[in-house]
C-alpha atoms as a PDB file:
ATOM      1  CA  MET A   1     -18.158  26.414 -33.989  1.00  0.00           C
ATOM      2  CA  THR A   2     -18.869  23.597 -31.573  1.00  0.00           C
ATOM      3  CA  ARG A   3     -16.213  23.037 -28.939  1.00  0.00           C
ATOM      4  CA  ALA A   4     -14.342  19.776 -29.523  1.00  0.00           C
ATOM      5  CA  THR A   5     -14.841  17.738 -26.358  1.00  0.00           C
ATOM      6  CA  PRO A   6     -12.719  14.567 -26.110  1.00  0.00           C
ATOM      7  CA  ALA A   7     -15.763  12.423 -26.960  1.00  0.00           C
ATOM      8  CA  LEU A   8     -16.707  14.585 -29.965  1.00  0.00           C
ATOM      9  CA  LYS A   9     -13.103  14.511 -31.186  1.00  0.00           C
ATOM     10  CA  ALA A  10     -12.889  10.721 -30.820  1.00  0.00           C
ATOM     11  CA  ALA A  11     -15.990   9.818 -32.860  1.00  0.00           C
ATOM     12  CA  ARG A  12     -19.101  11.644 -34.023  1.00  0.00           C
ATOM     13  CA  SER A  13     -21.583  11.668 -36.846  1.00  0.00           C
ATOM     14  CA  CYS A  14     -21.151  14.165 -39.667  1.00  0.00           C
ATOM     15  CA  TYR A  15     -24.159  14.242 -41.997  1.00  0.00           C
ATOM     16  CA  GLY A  16     -24.739  10.584 -41.168  1.00  0.00           C
ATOM     17  CA  HIS A  17     -21.195   9.305 -41.634  1.00  0.00           C
ATOM     18  CA  LEU A  18     -18.371   8.547 -39.185  1.00  0.00           C
ATOM     19  CA  ALA A  19     -16.122  11.498 -38.333  1.00  0.00           C
ATOM     20  CA  GLY A  20     -13.458  12.427 -35.811  1.00  0.00           C
ATOM     21  CA  GLU A  21     -10.428  10.292 -35.024  1.00  0.00           C
ATOM     22  CA  ALA A  22     -12.404   7.119 -35.787  1.00  0.00           C
ATOM     23  CA  GLY A  23     -13.606   8.423 -39.170  1.00  0.00           C
ATOM     24  CA  VAL A  24     -10.107   9.433 -40.238  1.00  0.00           C
ATOM     25  CA  ALA A  25      -8.723   6.066 -39.061  1.00  0.00           C
ATOM     26  CA  LEU A  26     -11.406   4.270 -41.086  1.00  0.00           C
ATOM     27  CA  ARG A  27     -10.557   6.235 -44.249  1.00  0.00           C
ATOM     28  CA  GLU A  28      -6.835   5.548 -43.763  1.00  0.00           C
ATOM     29  CA  ARG A  29      -7.488   1.830 -43.255  1.00  0.00           C
ATOM     30  CA  LEU A  30      -9.595   1.669 -46.447  1.00  0.00           C
ATOM     31  CA  GLU A  31      -6.824   3.347 -48.437  1.00  0.00           C
ATOM     32  CA  VAL A  32      -4.069   1.132 -46.996  1.00  0.00           C
ATOM     33  CA  ALA A  33      -6.190  -1.953 -47.727  1.00  0.00           C
ATOM     34  CA  GLY A  34      -6.435  -0.823 -51.357  1.00  0.00           C
ATOM     35  CA  LEU A  35     -10.228  -0.520 -51.267  1.00  0.00           C
ATOM     36  CA  LEU A  36     -10.470   3.227 -51.833  1.00  0.00           C
ATOM     37  CA  CYS A  37      -8.389   5.837 -53.621  1.00  0.00           C
ATOM     38  CA  ARG A  38      -8.712   9.607 -53.649  1.00  0.00           C
ATOM     39  CA  LEU A  39      -9.526  11.462 -56.850  1.00  0.00           C
ATOM     40  CA  GLY A  40      -9.727  15.198 -56.177  1.00  0.00           C
ATOM     41  CA  ASP A  41     -12.596  15.937 -53.797  1.00  0.00           C
ATOM     42  CA  ALA A  42     -13.960  12.395 -53.852  1.00  0.00           C
ATOM     43  CA  TYR A  43     -12.950   8.800 -53.385  1.00  0.00           C
ATOM     44  CA  ARG A  44     -13.321   5.967 -55.877  1.00  0.00           C
ATOM     45  CA  LEU A  45     -13.662   2.299 -55.132  1.00  0.00           C
ATOM     46  CA  THR A  46     -10.888   0.155 -56.516  1.00  0.00           C
ATOM     47  CA  ASP A  47     -11.830  -3.171 -58.119  1.00  0.00           C
ATOM     48  CA  ALA A  48     -11.187  -4.833 -54.755  1.00  0.00           C
ATOM     49  CA  GLY A  49     -13.226  -2.090 -53.074  1.00  0.00           C
ATOM     50  CA  ARG A  50     -16.192  -2.715 -55.359  1.00  0.00           C
ATOM     51  CA  CYS A  51     -16.124  -6.426 -54.443  1.00  0.00           C
ATOM     52  CA  TRP A  52     -15.839  -5.466 -50.768  1.00  0.00           C
ATOM     53  CA  VAL A  53     -18.862  -3.120 -50.706  1.00  0.00           C
ATOM     54  CA  GLU A  54     -20.974  -5.519 -52.746  1.00  0.00           C
ATOM     55  CA  ALA A  55     -20.122  -8.422 -50.415  1.00  0.00           C
ATOM     56  CA  LEU A  56     -21.156  -6.335 -47.385  1.00  0.00           C
ATOM     57  CA  GLY A  57     -24.240  -4.874 -49.024  1.00  0.00           C
ATOM     58  CA  LEU A  58     -22.932  -1.318 -48.731  1.00  0.00           C
ATOM     59  CA  ASP A  59     -23.740   1.391 -51.267  1.00  0.00           C
ATOM     60  CA  ALA A  60     -21.701   0.497 -54.366  1.00  0.00           C
ATOM     61  CA  ASP A  61     -23.121   2.963 -56.915  1.00  0.00           C
ATOM     62  CA  ASP A  62     -20.155   5.270 -57.520  1.00  0.00           C
ATOM     63  CA  ARG A  63     -21.201   6.710 -60.901  1.00  0.00           C
ATOM     64  CA  ASP A  64     -21.320  10.127 -59.194  1.00  0.00           C
ATOM     65  CA  ALA A  65     -18.228   9.984 -56.964  1.00  0.00           C
ATOM     66  CA  ALA A  66     -18.974  13.297 -55.241  1.00  0.00           C
ATOM     67  CA  LYS A  67     -22.269  11.925 -53.923  1.00  0.00           C
ATOM     68  CA  HIS A  68     -21.043   8.380 -53.366  1.00  0.00           C
ATOM     69  CA  ALA A  69     -17.821   8.859 -51.403  1.00  0.00           C
ATOM     70  CA  ARG A  70     -17.156  12.519 -50.788  1.00  0.00           C
ATOM     71  CA  CYS A  71     -13.860  13.699 -49.334  1.00  0.00           C
ATOM     72  CA  CYS A  72     -15.083  15.438 -46.179  1.00  0.00           C
ATOM     73  CA  LEU A  73     -12.499  17.519 -44.299  1.00  0.00           C
ATOM     74  CA  ASP A  74     -12.765  16.649 -40.626  1.00  0.00           C
ATOM     75  CA  TRP A  75     -12.886  19.844 -38.555  1.00  0.00           C
ATOM     76  CA  THR A  76     -11.129  18.385 -35.511  1.00  0.00           C
ATOM     77  CA  GLU A  77      -8.544  16.251 -37.286  1.00  0.00           C
ATOM     78  CA  LYS A  78      -7.855  18.526 -40.276  1.00  0.00           C
ATOM     79  CA  LEU A  79      -7.751  15.357 -42.398  1.00  0.00           C
ATOM     80  CA  PRO A  80     -10.473  13.861 -44.591  1.00  0.00           C
ATOM     81  CA  HIS A  81     -12.940  11.149 -43.728  1.00  0.00           C
ATOM     82  CA  VAL A  82     -15.361   9.407 -46.124  1.00  0.00           C
ATOM     83  CA  GLY A  83     -18.669  11.190 -46.579  1.00  0.00           C
ATOM     84  CA  GLY A  84     -21.534  10.642 -48.984  1.00  0.00           C
ATOM     85  CA  ARG A  85     -23.667   7.551 -49.452  1.00  0.00           C
ATOM     86  CA  LEU A  86     -20.773   5.139 -48.862  1.00  0.00           C
ATOM     87  CA  GLY A  87     -19.877   6.891 -45.605  1.00  0.00           C
ATOM     88  CA  ARG A  88     -23.490   6.711 -44.436  1.00  0.00           C
ATOM     89  CA  SER A  89     -23.852   3.042 -45.360  1.00  0.00           C
ATOM     90  CA  MET A  90     -20.643   2.163 -43.467  1.00  0.00           C
ATOM     91  CA  LEU A  91     -21.824   3.955 -40.315  1.00  0.00           C
ATOM     92  CA  GLU A  92     -25.247   2.291 -40.551  1.00  0.00           C
ATOM     93  CA  ARG A  93     -23.536  -1.117 -40.689  1.00  0.00           C
ATOM     94  CA  LEU A  94     -21.261  -0.278 -37.747  1.00  0.00           C
ATOM     95  CA  ILE A  95     -24.275   0.711 -35.642  1.00  0.00           C
ATOM     96  CA  GLN A  96     -26.287  -2.360 -36.710  1.00  0.00           C
ATOM     97  CA  CYS A  97     -23.368  -4.632 -35.779  1.00  0.00           C
ATOM     98  CA  GLY A  98     -22.946  -2.918 -32.407  1.00  0.00           C
ATOM     99  CA  ALA A  99     -19.376  -1.800 -33.125  1.00  0.00           C
ATOM    100  CA  VAL A 100     -20.471   1.834 -32.757  1.00  0.00           C
ATOM    101  CA  VAL A 101     -23.149   3.174 -30.415  1.00  0.00           C
ATOM    102  CA  ALA A 102     -24.938   6.486 -30.944  1.00  0.00           C
ATOM    103  CA  GLY A 103     -24.791   8.907 -28.038  1.00  0.00           C
ATOM    104  CA  ALA A 104     -26.116  12.418 -27.439  1.00  0.00           C
ATOM    105  CA  ASN A 105     -25.250  15.467 -29.522  1.00  0.00           C
ATOM    106  CA  ARG A 106     -23.744  13.545 -32.487  1.00  0.00           C
ATOM    107  CA  VAL A 107     -21.225  11.738 -30.253  1.00  0.00           C
ATOM    108  CA  LEU A 108     -20.548   8.125 -31.223  1.00  0.00           C
ATOM    109  CA  LEU A 109     -18.890   5.549 -29.029  1.00  0.00           C
ATOM    110  CA  VAL A 110     -16.600   3.084 -30.787  1.00  0.00           C
ATOM    111  CA  VAL A 111     -17.018  -0.042 -28.674  1.00  0.00           C
ATOM    112  CA  ASP A 112     -13.749  -1.507 -29.959  1.00  0.00           C
ATOM    113  CA  HIS A 113     -11.717  -0.587 -33.048  1.00  0.00           C
ATOM    114  CA  GLY A 114     -11.042  -4.271 -33.719  1.00  0.00           C
ATOM    115  CA  GLU A 115     -14.785  -4.876 -33.713  1.00  0.00           C
ATOM    116  CA  MET A 116     -15.217  -1.941 -36.086  1.00  0.00           C
ATOM    117  CA  TRP A 117     -12.731  -3.466 -38.553  1.00  0.00           C
ATOM    118  CA  ARG A 118     -14.405  -6.890 -38.244  1.00  0.00           C
ATOM    119  CA  ALA A 119     -17.872  -5.410 -38.835  1.00  0.00           C
ATOM    120  CA  LEU A 120     -16.600  -3.936 -42.086  1.00  0.00           C
ATOM    121  CA  ALA A 121     -14.408  -6.935 -42.943  1.00  0.00           C
ATOM    122  CA  ILE A 122     -11.218  -4.850 -43.308  1.00  0.00           C
END
């Protein structure tokens, strides 16, 4: 297993979605905001969540929840973050908006958590 450096623990990519402390914080914020709820090994968009992803142009097709918003256990945090197509589309938006910058060896730099929340309108 890869050694968890402070940078890798803080934020990294995991199959194209946001992982580490930042990924877990994002998932928690989505749940608290009432945009996402957990159903077994996947997440489902709430009605408000569907409006949210559609307004941002994120992947909204959750007919197959396991592929859309998978519950991915974070190896450093031992808590889940959002995987699947929704997780990838959120990270793509964060990078496009400049809230997250890709580094070497899967490390991601969160420029500012406030900017991350603004980029995703949560």
